[in-house]
Amino acid sequence: MSEPNILLTRIDNRLIHGQVATQWNGTLGANLILVANDKVAGDKVRQGLMDMAAPTGVQTRYFSIQKTIDIIHKASPKQKIFIIAENPEDVLKLVEGGVPIKKLNIGNMHMAEGKRQVATTVAVDDADVAAFKKLQDLGVELEIRRVPTTAVEDSSKLFN
């Protein structure tokens, strides 16, 4: 069984939207955007809205975390996969479930009650920090970057 061709995994709590569609996918050249999210996997309305934002000619899939773990290794080598998850806890579940994620782009994690702003577009709470630490311990490279044209921010900010 060959390893799936995962170009990038990104955390963005908006999932698929214009920035992901035009800038990230334009840079990556993915032909499949896989949203790994338990809520969205069963929400046809949100899927439809995201499909409208997806780039022309790029397939979209909306899988639960477990389904992603179960079938990612069945991906064709021709599939250039861009995984988008909502939060670091979901990415940690993917990695612990055997999804070969080498690099994690941290894009948007909105400010909410109990969270603290640590980077331009990233707010974390203690659970997020613990998940990032475990991901790092598992060998996943962490990168804070809003869009491909902006500078990478120091990922140590995640642990402040």
Protein backbone atom coordinates (compact mmCIF):
# COMPACT_ATOMS: atom_id res chain seq x y z
CA MET A 1 0.00 0.00 0.00
CA SER A 2 1.54 3.29 -1.05
CA GLU A 3 1.48 6.35 1.15
CA PRO A 4 -1.19 8.91 0.24
CA ASN A 5 0.08 12.01 -1.57
CA ILE A 6 -0.75 14.61 1.10
CA LEU A 7 0.61 17.97 -0.08
CA LEU A 8 -0.40 19.90 3.04
CA THR A 9 -2.60 19.70 6.08
CA ARG A 10 -4.03 23.02 7.30
CA ILE A 11 -5.97 24.09 10.35
CA ASP A 12 -8.54 26.68 9.41
CA ASN A 13 -11.74 26.92 11.37
CA ARG A 14 -13.49 28.32 8.30
CA LEU A 15 -12.51 25.16 6.38
CA ILE A 16 -12.94 25.81 2.62
CA HIS A 17 -13.28 29.50 1.76
CA GLY A 18 -11.84 31.93 -0.79
CA GLN A 19 -8.36 32.17 0.73
CA VAL A 20 -7.98 28.39 0.79
CA ALA A 21 -9.42 28.01 -2.69
CA THR A 22 -7.42 30.66 -4.50
CA GLN A 23 -4.17 31.23 -2.64
CA TRP A 24 -3.38 27.95 -0.91
CA ASN A 25 -4.64 25.61 -3.56
CA GLY A 26 -3.15 27.77 -6.30
CA THR A 27 0.25 27.35 -4.67
CA LEU A 28 -0.15 23.66 -3.82
CA GLY A 29 -1.78 22.42 -6.99
CA ALA A 30 -3.96 19.91 -5.15
CA ASN A 31 -6.67 18.11 -7.11
CA LEU A 32 -8.53 16.97 -3.99
CA ILE A 33 -9.46 19.04 -0.95
CA LEU A 34 -10.40 16.76 1.92
CA VAL A 35 -12.24 18.36 4.84
CA ALA A 36 -11.74 16.11 7.87
CA ASN A 37 -14.50 17.20 10.24
CA ASP A 38 -17.17 15.21 12.07
CA LYS A 39 -19.85 17.94 11.93
CA VAL A 40 -19.38 18.88 8.28
CA ALA A 41 -19.29 15.22 7.21
CA GLY A 42 -23.04 15.09 7.87
CA ASP A 43 -24.00 18.65 6.89
CA LYS A 44 -24.98 18.82 3.21
CA VAL A 45 -25.77 22.56 3.40
CA ARG A 46 -22.28 23.49 4.63
CA GLN A 47 -20.75 21.10 2.09
CA GLY A 48 -22.68 22.81 -0.69
CA LEU A 49 -21.50 26.25 0.43
CA MET A 50 -17.90 25.07 0.57
CA ASP A 51 -18.20 23.42 -2.84
CA MET A 52 -19.10 26.85 -4.24
CA ALA A 53 -15.86 28.28 -2.81
CA ALA A 54 -13.71 25.37 -4.01
CA PRO A 55 -11.55 25.95 -7.08
CA THR A 56 -12.88 24.75 -10.43
CA GLY A 57 -11.65 21.29 -11.34
CA VAL A 58 -10.71 20.38 -7.77
CA GLN A 59 -12.63 17.57 -6.10
CA THR A 60 -13.90 17.96 -2.54
CA ARG A 61 -14.56 15.29 0.06
CA TYR A 62 -16.13 15.76 3.47
CA PHE A 63 -15.16 12.90 5.76
CA SER A 64 -15.42 12.34 9.49
CA ILE A 65 -12.12 12.02 11.34
CA GLN A 66 -12.56 8.24 11.56
CA LYS A 67 -13.49 7.81 7.89
CA THR A 68 -10.41 9.83 6.92
CA ILE A 69 -8.25 7.48 9.04
CA ASP A 70 -9.98 4.43 7.56
CA ILE A 71 -9.66 5.31 3.87
CA ILE A 72 -6.76 7.75 3.35
CA HIS A 73 -4.41 4.88 2.51
CA LYS A 74 -6.72 3.84 -0.34
CA ALA A 75 -6.11 7.16 -2.13
CA SER A 76 -4.76 6.92 -5.65
CA PRO A 77 -1.18 8.17 -6.11
CA LYS A 78 -2.69 10.57 -8.69
CA GLN A 79 -4.66 12.31 -5.95
CA LYS A 80 -2.77 15.35 -4.69
CA ILE A 81 -4.47 15.84 -1.34
CA PHE A 82 -4.92 19.04 0.66
CA ILE A 83 -6.41 18.17 4.07
CA ILE A 84 -8.23 20.87 6.01
CA ALA A 85 -9.19 20.39 9.66
CA GLU A 86 -10.85 22.71 12.13
CA ASN A 87 -8.57 22.32 15.14
CA PRO A 88 -5.35 20.70 16.38
CA GLU A 89 -7.22 18.03 18.36
CA ASP A 90 -8.72 16.68 15.12
CA VAL A 91 -5.29 16.68 13.43
CA LEU A 92 -3.83 14.82 16.41
CA LYS A 93 -6.56 12.16 16.07
CA LEU A 94 -5.66 11.81 12.38
CA VAL A 95 -1.94 11.42 13.11
CA GLU A 96 -2.53 8.99 15.98
CA GLY A 97 -4.86 7.06 13.66
CA GLY A 98 -2.07 6.58 11.13
CA VAL A 99 -2.61 9.44 8.67
CA PRO A 100 0.94 10.33 7.52
CA ILE A 101 0.94 14.07 8.18
CA LYS A 102 4.47 15.47 8.10
CA LYS A 103 3.74 19.19 8.13
CA LEU A 104 0.87 21.16 9.64
CA ASN A 105 0.02 24.65 8.48
CA ILE A 106 -1.80 26.60 11.17
CA GLY A 107 -3.90 29.24 9.48
CA ASN A 108 -6.98 30.49 11.27
CA MET A 109 -8.01 29.66 14.81
CA HIS A 110 -10.43 32.37 15.84
CA MET A 111 -10.47 34.07 19.20
CA ALA A 112 -13.14 32.68 21.51
CA GLU A 113 -13.86 32.57 25.21
CA GLY A 114 -11.02 30.88 27.06
CA LYS A 115 -8.55 31.35 24.21
CA ARG A 116 -5.54 33.66 23.99
CA GLN A 117 -4.18 35.29 20.85
CA VAL A 118 -0.67 33.96 20.15
CA ALA A 119 -0.16 34.88 16.49
CA THR A 120 -1.73 37.11 13.84
CA THR A 121 -4.68 34.78 13.15
CA VAL A 122 -4.22 32.13 15.82
CA ALA A 123 -5.85 31.92 19.25
CA VAL A 124 -5.33 28.87 21.45
CA ASP A 125 -6.50 27.36 24.71
CA ASP A 126 -4.72 24.78 26.87
CA ALA A 127 -6.23 21.82 24.95
CA ASP A 128 -4.93 23.27 21.66
CA VAL A 129 -1.45 23.77 23.16
CA ALA A 130 -1.42 20.17 24.46
CA ALA A 131 -2.43 18.87 21.00
CA PHE A 132 0.27 20.96 19.28
CA LYS A 133 2.87 19.66 21.75
CA LYS A 134 1.87 16.04 21.06
CA LEU A 135 1.92 16.65 17.30
CA GLN A 136 5.42 18.11 17.59
CA ASP A 137 6.50 15.13 19.74
CA LEU A 138 5.16 12.83 16.98
CA GLY A 139 7.44 14.56 14.47
CA VAL A 140 4.93 16.83 12.76
CA GLU A 141 6.46 20.12 11.60
CA LEU A 142 4.31 23.07 12.76
CA GLU A 143 4.06 26.21 10.64
CA ILE A 144 1.99 29.31 11.38
CA ARG A 145 1.20 31.03 8.10
CA ARG A 146 -1.99 32.78 7.03
CA VAL A 147 -1.43 32.66 3.26
CA PRO A 148 1.47 31.40 1.12
CA THR A 149 2.71 34.94 0.44
CA THR A 150 3.09 35.92 4.11
CA ALA A 151 6.09 35.13 6.25
CA VAL A 152 6.03 32.07 8.49
CA GLU A 153 5.51 33.06 12.12
CA ASP A 154 7.53 31.48 14.93
CA SER A 155 5.72 28.26 15.91
CA SER A 156 7.08 28.54 19.47
CA LYS A 157 4.35 31.19 19.94
CA LEU A 158 1.89 28.28 20.14
CA PHE A 159 3.34 27.26 23.47
CA ASN A 160 3.26 30.68 25.20
